[in-house]
Amino acid sequence: MKKLFIILGFITSILALVLAVTPLSKVAYIPSVAALICGVFALYTSKDKQHAKKSIQLIFLMTIIALALTTYKAVFTKAELGDIKQLEQKEEQLEEESIEELENLDIDEIDTQ
């Protein structure tokens, strides 16, 4: 049972680390919580026996790093929107230019070629 929780803890903590450094960092909370739960269960099942707990400590370390990165990105990253007025003016300008180009085309010349 301990090995199962350790393997699940490693998988979810590595997944949390990978998601924490990608733009999908807000999703990294889910595998982080799962890794913490698996780590706690592995720690609880290993208290009965005196085994090395380095792997469980590594699970907790990777999970804490993933949570720290995710929280940092959530706090300090802003999604900035562009100025809507400038975008609308650019769109109108492009529309007017395309209308002028279409009006300047001579369809009779194109048909005779």
PDB file of N, CA and C in Angstrom:
ATOM      1  N   MET A   1       0.826  -1.192   0.000  1.00  0.00           N
ATOM      2  CA  MET A   1       0.000   0.000   0.000  1.00  0.00           C
ATOM      3  C   MET A   1       0.870   1.255   0.000  1.00  0.00           C
ATOM      4  N   LYS A   2       1.979   1.188   0.740  1.00  0.00           N
ATOM      5  CA  LYS A   2       2.875   2.331   0.816  1.00  0.00           C
ATOM      6  C   LYS A   2       3.471   2.639  -0.553  1.00  0.00           C
ATOM      7  N   LYS A   3       3.855   1.578  -1.277  1.00  0.00           N
ATOM      8  CA  LYS A   3       4.454   1.774  -2.595  1.00  0.00           C
ATOM      9  C   LYS A   3       3.463   2.407  -3.566  1.00  0.00           C
ATOM     10  N   LEU A   4       2.208   2.019  -3.474  1.00  0.00           N
ATOM     11  CA  LEU A   4       1.176   2.593  -4.338  1.00  0.00           C
ATOM     12  C   LEU A   4       1.042   4.090  -4.100  1.00  0.00           C
ATOM     13  N   PHE A   5       0.989   4.481  -2.831  1.00  0.00           N
ATOM     14  CA  PHE A   5       0.863   5.906  -2.521  1.00  0.00           C
ATOM     15  C   PHE A   5       2.115   6.685  -2.915  1.00  0.00           C
ATOM     16  N   ILE A   6       3.277   6.069  -2.789  1.00  0.00           N
ATOM     17  CA  ILE A   6       4.516   6.747  -3.200  1.00  0.00           C
ATOM     18  C   ILE A   6       4.543   6.950  -4.708  1.00  0.00           C
ATOM     19  N   ILE A   7       4.152   5.924  -5.460  1.00  0.00           N
ATOM     20  CA  ILE A   7       4.137   6.042  -6.927  1.00  0.00           C
ATOM     21  C   ILE A   7       3.121   7.088  -7.369  1.00  0.00           C
ATOM     22  N   LEU A   8       1.921   7.046  -6.795  1.00  0.00           N
ATOM     23  CA  LEU A   8       0.898   8.049  -7.129  1.00  0.00           C
ATOM     24  C   LEU A   8       1.353   9.446  -6.717  1.00  0.00           C
ATOM     25  N   GLY A   9       2.026   9.542  -5.575  1.00  0.00           N
ATOM     26  CA  GLY A   9       2.544  10.831  -5.114  1.00  0.00           C
ATOM     27  C   GLY A   9       3.584  11.401  -6.066  1.00  0.00           C
ATOM     28  N   PHE A  10       4.502  10.536  -6.548  1.00  0.00           N
ATOM     29  CA  PHE A  10       5.505  10.995  -7.502  1.00  0.00           C
ATOM     30  C   PHE A  10       4.866  11.450  -8.809  1.00  0.00           C
ATOM     31  N   ILE A  11       3.932  10.673  -9.305  1.00  0.00           N
ATOM     32  CA  ILE A  11       3.288  11.022 -10.587  1.00  0.00           C
ATOM     33  C   ILE A  11       2.553  12.356 -10.471  1.00  0.00           C
ATOM     34  N   THR A  12       1.774  12.514  -9.409  1.00  0.00           N
ATOM     35  CA  THR A  12       1.000  13.750  -9.287  1.00  0.00           C
ATOM     36  C   THR A  12       1.881  14.953  -8.962  1.00  0.00           C
ATOM     37  N   SER A  13       2.953  14.759  -8.216  1.00  0.00           N
ATOM     38  CA  SER A  13       3.823  15.902  -7.917  1.00  0.00           C
ATOM     39  C   SER A  13       4.612  16.329  -9.150  1.00  0.00           C
ATOM     40  N   ILE A  14       5.037  15.375  -9.976  1.00  0.00           N
ATOM     41  CA  ILE A  14       5.719  15.733 -11.222  1.00  0.00           C
ATOM     42  C   ILE A  14       4.750  16.424 -12.175  1.00  0.00           C
ATOM     43  N   LEU A  15       3.524  15.924 -12.246  1.00  0.00           N
ATOM     44  CA  LEU A  15       2.508  16.579 -13.073  1.00  0.00           C
ATOM     45  C   LEU A  15       2.233  17.997 -12.583  1.00  0.00           C
ATOM     46  N   ALA A  16       2.194  18.177 -11.280  1.00  0.00           N
ATOM     47  CA  ALA A  16       1.976  19.512 -10.713  1.00  0.00           C
ATOM     48  C   ALA A  16       3.136  20.441 -11.056  1.00  0.00           C
ATOM     49  N   LEU A  17       4.366  19.948 -11.003  1.00  0.00           N
ATOM     50  CA  LEU A  17       5.525  20.771 -11.366  1.00  0.00           C
ATOM     51  C   LEU A  17       5.475  21.170 -12.838  1.00  0.00           C
ATOM     52  N   VAL A  18       5.126  20.230 -13.700  1.00  0.00           N
ATOM     53  CA  VAL A  18       5.059  20.531 -15.138  1.00  0.00           C
ATOM     54  C   VAL A  18       3.970  21.555 -15.415  1.00  0.00           C
ATOM     55  N   LEU A  19       2.822  21.381 -14.811  1.00  0.00           N
ATOM     56  CA  LEU A  19       1.725  22.326 -15.025  1.00  0.00           C
ATOM     57  C   LEU A  19       2.021  23.688 -14.414  1.00  0.00           C
ATOM     58  N   ALA A  20       2.829  23.729 -13.359  1.00  0.00           N
ATOM     59  CA  ALA A  20       3.125  24.995 -12.688  1.00  0.00           C
ATOM     60  C   ALA A  20       3.974  25.918 -13.551  1.00  0.00           C
ATOM     61  N   VAL A  21       4.781  25.360 -14.439  1.00  0.00           N
ATOM     62  CA  VAL A  21       5.649  26.204 -15.273  1.00  0.00           C
ATOM     63  C   VAL A  21       5.045  26.489 -16.645  1.00  0.00           C
ATOM     64  N   THR A  22       3.908  25.915 -16.942  1.00  0.00           N
ATOM     65  CA  THR A  22       3.235  26.183 -18.213  1.00  0.00           C
ATOM     66  C   THR A  22       2.182  27.273 -18.015  1.00  0.00           C
ATOM     67  N   PRO A  23       1.626  27.777 -19.108  1.00  0.00           N
ATOM     68  CA  PRO A  23       0.548  28.767 -18.955  1.00  0.00           C
ATOM     69  C   PRO A  23      -0.704  28.216 -18.281  1.00  0.00           C
ATOM     70  N   LEU A  24      -0.800  26.921 -18.143  1.00  0.00           N
ATOM     71  CA  LEU A  24      -1.953  26.314 -17.461  1.00  0.00           C
ATOM     72  C   LEU A  24      -1.675  26.160 -15.971  1.00  0.00           C
ATOM     73  N   SER A  25      -1.006  27.128 -15.383  1.00  0.00           N
ATOM     74  CA  SER A  25      -0.551  26.975 -14.008  1.00  0.00           C
ATOM     75  C   SER A  25      -1.689  26.935 -12.994  1.00  0.00           C
ATOM     76  N   LYS A  26      -2.827  27.483 -13.323  1.00  0.00           N
ATOM     77  CA  LYS A  26      -3.939  27.462 -12.358  1.00  0.00           C
ATOM     78  C   LYS A  26      -4.509  26.060 -12.177  1.00  0.00           C
ATOM     79  N   VAL A  27      -4.260  25.187 -13.124  1.00  0.00           N
ATOM     80  CA  VAL A  27      -4.739  23.814 -13.026  1.00  0.00           C
ATOM     81  C   VAL A  27      -3.811  22.990 -12.130  1.00  0.00           C
ATOM     82  N   ALA A  28      -2.621  23.501 -11.836  1.00  0.00           N
ATOM     83  CA  ALA A  28      -1.632  22.747 -11.062  1.00  0.00           C
ATOM     84  C   ALA A  28      -2.040  22.550  -9.617  1.00  0.00           C
ATOM     85  N   TYR A  29      -3.047  23.263  -9.151  1.00  0.00           N
ATOM     86  CA  TYR A  29      -3.496  23.065  -7.775  1.00  0.00           C
ATOM     87  C   TYR A  29      -4.106  21.673  -7.579  1.00  0.00           C
ATOM     88  N   ILE A  30      -4.765  21.158  -8.583  1.00  0.00           N
ATOM     89  CA  ILE A  30      -5.441  19.863  -8.459  1.00  0.00           C
ATOM     90  C   ILE A  30      -4.439  18.725  -8.231  1.00  0.00           C
ATOM     91  N   PRO A  31      -3.409  18.561  -9.097  1.00  0.00           N
ATOM     92  CA  PRO A  31      -2.452  17.487  -8.806  1.00  0.00           C
ATOM     93  C   PRO A  31      -1.598  17.759  -7.570  1.00  0.00           C
ATOM     94  N   SER A  32      -1.439  19.024  -7.208  1.00  0.00           N
ATOM     95  CA  SER A  32      -0.683  19.332  -5.991  1.00  0.00           C
ATOM     96  C   SER A  32      -1.413  18.829  -4.758  1.00  0.00           C
ATOM     97  N   VAL A  33      -2.703  19.052  -4.714  1.00  0.00           N
ATOM     98  CA  VAL A  33      -3.494  18.566  -3.576  1.00  0.00           C
ATOM     99  C   VAL A  33      -3.503  17.043  -3.564  1.00  0.00           C
ATOM    100  N   ALA A  34      -3.606  16.437  -4.739  1.00  0.00           N
ATOM    101  CA  ALA A  34      -3.587  14.975  -4.810  1.00  0.00           C
ATOM    102  C   ALA A  34      -2.236  14.430  -4.348  1.00  0.00           C
ATOM    103  N   ALA A  35      -1.147  15.113  -4.704  1.00  0.00           N
ATOM    104  CA  ALA A  35       0.185  14.675  -4.268  1.00  0.00           C
ATOM    105  C   ALA A  35       0.336  14.821  -2.761  1.00  0.00           C
ATOM    106  N   LEU A  36      -0.196  15.885  -2.207  1.00  0.00           N
ATOM    107  CA  LEU A  36      -0.137  16.050  -0.753  1.00  0.00           C
ATOM    108  C   LEU A  36      -0.911  14.939  -0.038  1.00  0.00           C
ATOM    109  N   ILE A  37      -2.069  14.608  -0.562  1.00  0.00           N
ATOM    110  CA  ILE A  37      -2.880  13.542   0.048  1.00  0.00           C
ATOM    111  C   ILE A  37      -2.157  12.199  -0.046  1.00  0.00           C
ATOM    112  N   CYS A  38      -1.589  11.901  -1.209  1.00  0.00           N
ATOM    113  CA  CYS A  38      -0.847  10.649  -1.363  1.00  0.00           C
ATOM    114  C   CYS A  38       0.379  10.623  -0.451  1.00  0.00           C
ATOM    115  N   GLY A  39       1.054  11.753  -0.306  1.00  0.00           N
ATOM    116  CA  GLY A  39       2.202  11.825   0.579  1.00  0.00           C
ATOM    117  C   GLY A  39       1.827  11.608   2.032  1.00  0.00           C
ATOM    118  N   VAL A  40       0.706  12.172   2.445  1.00  0.00           N
ATOM    119  CA  VAL A  40       0.248  11.981   3.824  1.00  0.00           C
ATOM    120  C   VAL A  40      -0.118  10.522   4.066  1.00  0.00           C
ATOM    121  N   PHE A  41      -0.812   9.895   3.111  1.00  0.00           N
ATOM    122  CA  PHE A  41      -1.152   8.481   3.273  1.00  0.00           C
ATOM    123  C   PHE A  41       0.103   7.609   3.291  1.00  0.00           C
ATOM    124  N   ALA A  42       1.082   7.916   2.426  1.00  0.00           N
ATOM    125  CA  ALA A  42       2.331   7.147   2.418  1.00  0.00           C
ATOM    126  C   ALA A  42       3.078   7.334   3.732  1.00  0.00           C
ATOM    127  N   LEU A  43       3.066   8.537   4.257  1.00  0.00           N
ATOM    128  CA  LEU A  43       3.724   8.794   5.535  1.00  0.00           C
ATOM    129  C   LEU A  43       3.001   8.054   6.668  1.00  0.00           C
ATOM    130  N   TYR A  44       1.694   8.049   6.605  1.00  0.00           N
ATOM    131  CA  TYR A  44       0.902   7.370   7.638  1.00  0.00           C
ATOM    132  C   TYR A  44       1.135   5.854   7.605  1.00  0.00           C
ATOM    133  N   THR A  45       1.192   5.279   6.391  1.00  0.00           N
ATOM    134  CA  THR A  45       1.407   3.830   6.285  1.00  0.00           C
ATOM    135  C   THR A  45       2.836   3.440   6.612  1.00  0.00           C
ATOM    136  N   SER A  46       3.788   4.345   6.503  1.00  0.00           N
ATOM    137  CA  SER A  46       5.178   4.007   6.798  1.00  0.00           C
ATOM    138  C   SER A  46       5.536   4.252   8.257  1.00  0.00           C
ATOM    139  N   LYS A  47       4.644   4.841   9.028  1.00  0.00           N
ATOM    140  CA  LYS A  47       4.929   5.059  10.453  1.00  0.00           C
ATOM    141  C   LYS A  47       4.973   3.739  11.215  1.00  0.00           C
ATOM    142  N   ASP A  48       4.261   2.732  10.729  1.00  0.00           N
ATOM    143  CA  ASP A  48       4.265   1.438  11.394  1.00  0.00           C
ATOM    144  C   ASP A  48       5.641   0.776  11.321  1.00  0.00           C
ATOM    145  N   LYS A  49       6.329   0.996  10.216  1.00  0.00           N
ATOM    146  CA  LYS A  49       7.627   0.366  10.010  1.00  0.00           C
ATOM    147  C   LYS A  49       8.687   1.464   9.916  1.00  0.00           C
ATOM    148  N   GLN A  50       9.878   1.155  10.302  1.00  0.00           N
ATOM    149  CA  GLN A  50      10.971   2.121  10.237  1.00  0.00           C
ATOM    150  C   GLN A  50      11.707   1.964   8.911  1.00  0.00           C
ATOM    151  N   HIS A  51      11.172   2.599   7.878  1.00  0.00           N
ATOM    152  CA  HIS A  51      11.800   2.576   6.556  1.00  0.00           C
ATOM    153  C   HIS A  51      12.305   3.970   6.240  1.00  0.00           C
ATOM    154  N   ALA A  52      13.153   4.037   5.202  1.00  0.00           N
ATOM    155  CA  ALA A  52      13.651   5.339   4.750  1.00  0.00           C
ATOM    156  C   ALA A  52      12.494   6.149   4.193  1.00  0.00           C
ATOM    157  N   LYS A  53      12.433   7.402   4.575  1.00  0.00           N
ATOM    158  CA  LYS A  53      11.319   8.256   4.165  1.00  0.00           C
ATOM    159  C   LYS A  53      11.768   9.343   3.200  1.00  0.00           C
ATOM    160  N   LYS A  54      12.898   9.117   2.533  1.00  0.00           N
ATOM    161  CA  LYS A  54      13.419  10.118   1.593  1.00  0.00           C
ATOM    162  C   LYS A  54      12.467  10.320   0.418  1.00  0.00           C
ATOM    163  N   SER A  55      11.855   9.266  -0.072  1.00  0.00           N
ATOM    164  CA  SER A  55      10.953   9.402  -1.215  1.00  0.00           C
ATOM    165  C   SER A  55       9.715  10.215  -0.838  1.00  0.00           C
ATOM    166  N   ILE A  56       9.217  10.022   0.360  1.00  0.00           N
ATOM    167  CA  ILE A  56       8.047  10.782   0.814  1.00  0.00           C
ATOM    168  C   ILE A  56       8.413  12.257   0.989  1.00  0.00           C
ATOM    169  N   GLN A  57       9.611  12.494   1.505  1.00  0.00           N
ATOM    170  CA  GLN A  57      10.076  13.877   1.649  1.00  0.00           C
ATOM    171  C   GLN A  57      10.241  14.538   0.288  1.00  0.00           C
ATOM    172  N   LEU A  58      10.703  13.765  -0.713  1.00  0.00           N
ATOM    173  CA  LEU A  58      10.849  14.303  -2.065  1.00  0.00           C
ATOM    174  C   LEU A  58       9.493  14.651  -2.672  1.00  0.00           C
ATOM    175  N   ILE A  59       8.490  13.834  -2.399  1.00  0.00           N
ATOM    176  CA  ILE A  59       7.128  14.135  -2.879  1.00  0.00           C
ATOM    177  C   ILE A  59       6.650  15.457  -2.288  1.00  0.00           C
ATOM    178  N   PHE A  60       6.834  15.617  -0.974  1.00  0.00           N
ATOM    179  CA  PHE A  60       6.419  16.866  -0.329  1.00  0.00           C
ATOM    180  C   PHE A  60       7.209  18.062  -0.865  1.00  0.00           C
ATOM    181  N   LEU A  61       8.504  17.898  -1.110  1.00  0.00           N
ATOM    182  CA  LEU A  61       9.332  18.987  -1.619  1.00  0.00           C
ATOM    183  C   LEU A  61       8.873  19.427  -3.010  1.00  0.00           C
ATOM    184  N   MET A  62       8.661  18.459  -3.902  1.00  0.00           N
ATOM    185  CA  MET A  62       8.214  18.812  -5.261  1.00  0.00           C
ATOM    186  C   MET A  62       6.833  19.455  -5.237  1.00  0.00           C
ATOM    187  N   THR A  63       5.971  18.987  -4.371  1.00  0.00           N
ATOM    188  CA  THR A  63       4.630  19.553  -4.274  1.00  0.00           C
ATOM    189  C   THR A  63       4.672  20.977  -3.741  1.00  0.00           C
ATOM    190  N   ILE A  64       5.507  21.225  -2.755  1.00  0.00           N
ATOM    191  CA  ILE A  64       5.627  22.579  -2.209  1.00  0.00           C
ATOM    192  C   ILE A  64       6.200  23.533  -3.251  1.00  0.00           C
ATOM    193  N   ILE A  65       7.173  23.070  -4.028  1.00  0.00           N
ATOM    194  CA  ILE A  65       7.736  23.909  -5.106  1.00  0.00           C
ATOM    195  C   ILE A  65       6.661  24.214  -6.144  1.00  0.00           C
ATOM    196  N   ALA A  66       5.872  23.212  -6.523  1.00  0.00           N
ATOM    197  CA  ALA A  66       4.803  23.431  -7.506  1.00  0.00           C
ATOM    198  C   ALA A  66       3.763  24.404  -6.978  1.00  0.00           C
ATOM    199  N   LEU A  67       3.395  24.268  -5.710  1.00  0.00           N
ATOM    200  CA  LEU A  67       2.422  25.195  -5.123  1.00  0.00           C
ATOM    201  C   LEU A  67       2.985  26.610  -5.043  1.00  0.00           C
ATOM    202  N   ALA A  68       4.264  26.736  -4.721  1.00  0.00           N
ATOM    203  CA  ALA A  68       4.883  28.061  -4.640  1.00  0.00           C
ATOM    204  C   ALA A  68       4.926  28.727  -6.017  1.00  0.00           C
ATOM    205  N   LEU A  69       5.312  27.976  -7.043  1.00  0.00           N
ATOM    206  CA  LEU A  69       5.344  28.533  -8.403  1.00  0.00           C
ATOM    207  C   LEU A  69       3.950  28.933  -8.876  1.00  0.00           C
ATOM    208  N   THR A  70       2.980  28.081  -8.620  1.00  0.00           N
ATOM    209  CA  THR A  70       1.612  28.371  -9.050  1.00  0.00           C
ATOM    210  C   THR A  70       1.061  29.600  -8.346  1.00  0.00           C
ATOM    211  N   THR A  71       1.308  29.698  -7.055  1.00  0.00           N
ATOM    212  CA  THR A  71       0.828  30.852  -6.302  1.00  0.00           C
ATOM    213  C   THR A  71       1.537  32.128  -6.758  1.00  0.00           C
ATOM    214  N   TYR A  72       2.841  32.036  -7.009  1.00  0.00           N
ATOM    215  CA  TYR A  72       3.589  33.194  -7.488  1.00  0.00           C
ATOM    216  C   TYR A  72       3.038  33.684  -8.825  1.00  0.00           C
ATOM    217  N   LYS A  73       2.798  32.745  -9.754  1.00  0.00           N
ATOM    218  CA  LYS A  73       2.271  33.139 -11.053  1.00  0.00           C
ATOM    219  C   LYS A  73       0.861  33.698 -10.945  1.00  0.00           C
ATOM    220  N   ALA A  74       0.070  33.188 -10.035  1.00  0.00           N
ATOM    221  CA  ALA A  74      -1.298  33.683  -9.876  1.00  0.00           C
ATOM    222  C   ALA A  74      -1.308  35.089  -9.286  1.00  0.00           C
ATOM    223  N   VAL A  75      -0.360  35.393  -8.419  1.00  0.00           N
ATOM    224  CA  VAL A  75      -0.344  36.697  -7.761  1.00  0.00           C
ATOM    225  C   VAL A  75       0.287  37.766  -8.645  1.00  0.00           C
ATOM    226  N   PHE A  76       1.393  37.443  -9.301  1.00  0.00           N
ATOM    227  CA  PHE A  76       2.160  38.471 -10.003  1.00  0.00           C
ATOM    228  C   PHE A  76       1.958  38.535 -11.510  1.00  0.00           C
ATOM    229  N   THR A  77       1.179  37.670 -12.089  1.00  0.00           N
ATOM    230  CA  THR A  77       0.940  37.706 -13.529  1.00  0.00           C
ATOM    231  C   THR A  77      -0.398  38.381 -13.796  1.00  0.00           C
ATOM    232  N   LYS A  78      -0.345  39.415 -14.633  1.00  0.00           N
ATOM    233  CA  LYS A  78      -1.576  40.119 -15.003  1.00  0.00           C
ATOM    234  C   LYS A  78      -1.901  39.836 -16.464  1.00  0.00           C
ATOM    235  N   ALA A  79      -3.155  39.698 -16.734  1.00  0.00           N
ATOM    236  CA  ALA A  79      -3.614  39.585 -18.112  1.00  0.00           C
ATOM    237  C   ALA A  79      -4.031  40.975 -18.556  1.00  0.00           C
ATOM    238  N   GLU A  80      -3.210  41.567 -19.409  1.00  0.00           N
ATOM    239  CA  GLU A  80      -3.497  42.929 -19.845  1.00  0.00           C
ATOM    240  C   GLU A  80      -4.262  42.904 -21.158  1.00  0.00           C
ATOM    241  N   LEU A  81      -5.300  43.691 -21.216  1.00  0.00           N
ATOM    242  CA  LEU A  81      -6.088  43.817 -22.429  1.00  0.00           C
ATOM    243  C   LEU A  81      -5.640  45.052 -23.189  1.00  0.00           C
ATOM    244  N   GLY A  82      -5.674  44.971 -24.505  1.00  0.00           N
ATOM    245  CA  GLY A  82      -5.312  46.116 -25.313  1.00  0.00           C
ATOM    246  C   GLY A  82      -6.409  47.167 -25.300  1.00  0.00           C
ATOM    247  N   ASP A  83      -6.075  48.335 -25.809  1.00  0.00           N
ATOM    248  CA  ASP A  83      -7.046  49.415 -25.868  1.00  0.00           C
ATOM    249  C   ASP A  83      -8.066  49.089 -26.947  1.00  0.00           C
ATOM    250  N   ILE A  84      -9.320  49.002 -26.571  1.00  0.00           N
ATOM    251  CA  ILE A  84     -10.371  48.597 -27.496  1.00  0.00           C
ATOM    252  C   ILE A  84     -10.603  49.657 -28.560  1.00  0.00           C
ATOM    253  N   LYS A  85     -10.459  50.925 -28.195  1.00  0.00           N
ATOM    254  CA  LYS A  85     -10.683  51.996 -29.166  1.00  0.00           C
ATOM    255  C   LYS A  85      -9.666  51.920 -30.296  1.00  0.00           C
ATOM    256  N   GLN A  86      -8.422  51.642 -29.964  1.00  0.00           N
ATOM    257  CA  GLN A  86      -7.404  51.529 -30.999  1.00  0.00           C
ATOM    258  C   GLN A  86      -7.691  50.344 -31.909  1.00  0.00           C
ATOM    259  N   LEU A  87      -8.146  49.235 -31.346  1.00  0.00           N
ATOM    260  CA  LEU A  87      -8.463  48.071 -32.163  1.00  0.00           C
ATOM    261  C   LEU A  87      -9.636  48.355 -33.093  1.00  0.00           C
ATOM    262  N   GLU A  88     -10.644  49.060 -32.602  1.00  0.00           N
ATOM    263  CA  GLU A  88     -11.795  49.395 -33.440  1.00  0.00           C
ATOM    264  C   GLU A  88     -11.399  50.342 -34.564  1.00  0.00           C
ATOM    265  N   GLN A  89     -10.540  51.329 -34.265  1.00  0.00           N
ATOM    266  CA  GLN A  89     -10.074  52.255 -35.301  1.00  0.00           C
ATOM    267  C   GLN A  89      -9.267  51.516 -36.352  1.00  0.00           C
ATOM    268  N   LYS A  90      -8.417  50.602 -35.936  1.00  0.00           N
ATOM    269  CA  LYS A  90      -7.614  49.823 -36.878  1.00  0.00           C
ATOM    270  C   LYS A  90      -8.514  48.962 -37.752  1.00  0.00           C
ATOM    271  N   GLU A  91      -9.546  48.383 -37.174  1.00  0.00           N
ATOM    272  CA  GLU A  91     -10.473  47.559 -37.928  1.00  0.00           C
ATOM    273  C   GLU A  91     -11.230  48.391 -38.961  1.00  0.00           C
ATOM    274  N   GLU A  92     -11.689  49.579 -38.569  1.00  0.00           N
ATOM    275  CA  GLU A  92     -12.388  50.464 -39.513  1.00  0.00           C
ATOM    276  C   GLU A  92     -11.466  50.903 -40.634  1.00  0.00           C
ATOM    277  N   GLN A  93     -10.221  51.216 -40.303  1.00  0.00           N
ATOM    278  CA  GLN A  93      -9.259  51.649 -41.304  1.00  0.00           C
ATOM    279  C   GLN A  93      -8.993  50.527 -42.310  1.00  0.00           C
ATOM    280  N   LEU A  94      -8.826  49.318 -41.846  1.00  0.00           N
ATOM    281  CA  LEU A  94      -8.600  48.190 -42.745  1.00  0.00           C
ATOM    282  C   LEU A  94      -9.816  47.916 -43.619  1.00  0.00           C
ATOM    283  N   GLU A  95     -11.003  48.091 -43.055  1.00  0.00           N
ATOM    284  CA  GLU A  95     -12.222  47.887 -43.825  1.00  0.00           C
ATOM    285  C   GLU A  95     -12.349  48.927 -44.932  1.00  0.00           C
ATOM    286  N   GLU A  96     -12.030  50.192 -44.611  1.00  0.00           N
ATOM    287  CA  GLU A  96     -12.094  51.248 -45.618  1.00  0.00           C
ATOM    288  C   GLU A  96     -11.066  51.017 -46.720  1.00  0.00           C
ATOM    289  N   GLU A  97      -9.878  50.585 -46.361  1.00  0.00           N
ATOM    290  CA  GLU A  97      -8.848  50.315 -47.361  1.00  0.00           C
ATOM    291  C   GLU A  97      -9.266  49.173 -48.282  1.00  0.00           C
ATOM    292  N   SER A  98      -9.863  48.135 -47.734  1.00  0.00           N
ATOM    293  CA  SER A  98     -10.281  47.016 -48.570  1.00  0.00           C
ATOM    294  C   SER A  98     -11.438  47.413 -49.482  1.00  0.00           C
ATOM    295  N   ILE A  99     -12.332  48.284 -49.012  1.00  0.00           N
ATOM    296  CA  ILE A  99     -13.428  48.767 -49.869  1.00  0.00           C
ATOM    297  C   ILE A  99     -12.862  49.593 -51.020  1.00  0.00           C
ATOM    298  N   GLU A 100     -11.880  50.441 -50.730  1.00  0.00           N
ATOM    299  CA  GLU A 100     -11.262  51.253 -51.781  1.00  0.00           C
ATOM    300  C   GLU A 100     -10.563  50.380 -52.813  1.00  0.00           C
ATOM    301  N   GLU A 101      -9.889  49.335 -52.364  1.00  0.00           N
ATOM    302  CA  GLU A 101      -9.216  48.439 -53.298  1.00  0.00           C
ATOM    303  C   GLU A 101     -10.226  47.726 -54.186  1.00  0.00           C
ATOM    304  N   LEU A 102     -11.342  47.318 -53.612  1.00  0.00           N
ATOM    305  CA  LEU A 102     -12.365  46.643 -54.396  1.00  0.00           C
ATOM    306  C   LEU A 102     -13.023  47.600 -55.395  1.00  0.00           C
ATOM    307  N   GLU A 103     -13.193  48.855 -55.025  1.00  0.00           N
ATOM    308  CA  GLU A 103     -13.793  49.826 -55.936  1.00  0.00           C
ATOM    309  C   GLU A 103     -12.837  50.155 -57.078  1.00  0.00           C
ATOM    310  N   ASN A 104     -11.557  50.130 -56.827  1.00  0.00           N
ATOM    311  CA  ASN A 104     -10.574  50.460 -57.863  1.00  0.00           C
ATOM    312  C   ASN A 104     -10.363  49.319 -58.845  1.00  0.00           C
ATOM    313  N   LEU A 105     -10.784  48.140 -58.523  1.00  0.00           N
ATOM    314  CA  LEU A 105     -10.634  47.020 -59.452  1.00  0.00           C
ATOM    315  C   LEU A 105     -11.597  47.185 -60.620  1.00  0.00           C
ATOM    316  N   ASP A 106     -11.102  46.896 -61.786  1.00  0.00           N
ATOM    317  CA  ASP A 106     -11.951  46.940 -62.971  1.00  0.00           C
ATOM    318  C   ASP A 106     -12.264  45.503 -63.358  1.00  0.00           C
ATOM    319  N   ILE A 107     -13.478  45.105 -63.135  1.00  0.00           N
ATOM    320  CA  ILE A 107     -13.864  43.712 -63.349  1.00  0.00           C
ATOM    321  C   ILE A 107     -13.847  43.364 -64.833  1.00  0.00           C
ATOM    322  N   ASP A 108     -14.138  44.312 -65.724  1.00  0.00           N
ATOM    323  CA  ASP A 108     -14.147  44.030 -67.159  1.00  0.00           C
ATOM    324  C   ASP A 108     -12.752  43.629 -67.639  1.00  0.00           C
ATOM    325  N   GLU A 109     -11.731  44.254 -67.114  1.00  0.00           N
ATOM    326  CA  GLU A 109     -10.374  43.925 -67.529  1.00  0.00           C
ATOM    327  C   GLU A 109      -9.998  42.511 -67.065  1.00  0.00           C
ATOM    328  N   ILE A 110     -10.455  42.132 -65.941  1.00  0.00           N
ATOM    329  CA  ILE A 110     -10.132  40.802 -65.413  1.00  0.00           C
ATOM    330  C   ILE A 110     -10.852  39.729 -66.231  1.00  0.00           C
ATOM    331  N   ASP A 111     -12.101  39.998 -66.672  1.00  0.00           N
ATOM    332  CA  ASP A 111     -12.873  39.012 -67.437  1.00  0.00           C
ATOM    333  C   ASP A 111     -12.293  38.791 -68.824  1.00  0.00           C
ATOM    334  N   THR A 112     -11.724  39.808 -69.438  1.00  0.00           N
ATOM    335  CA  THR A 112     -11.233  39.682 -70.808  1.00  0.00           C
ATOM    336  C   THR A 112      -9.877  38.981 -70.868  1.00  0.00           C
ATOM    337  N   GLN A 113      -9.224  38.869 -69.772  1.00  0.00           N
ATOM    338  CA  GLN A 113      -7.902  38.206 -69.808  1.00  0.00           C
ATOM    339  C   GLN A 113      -8.075  36.767 -69.755  1.00  0.00           C
TER     340      GLN A 113
END
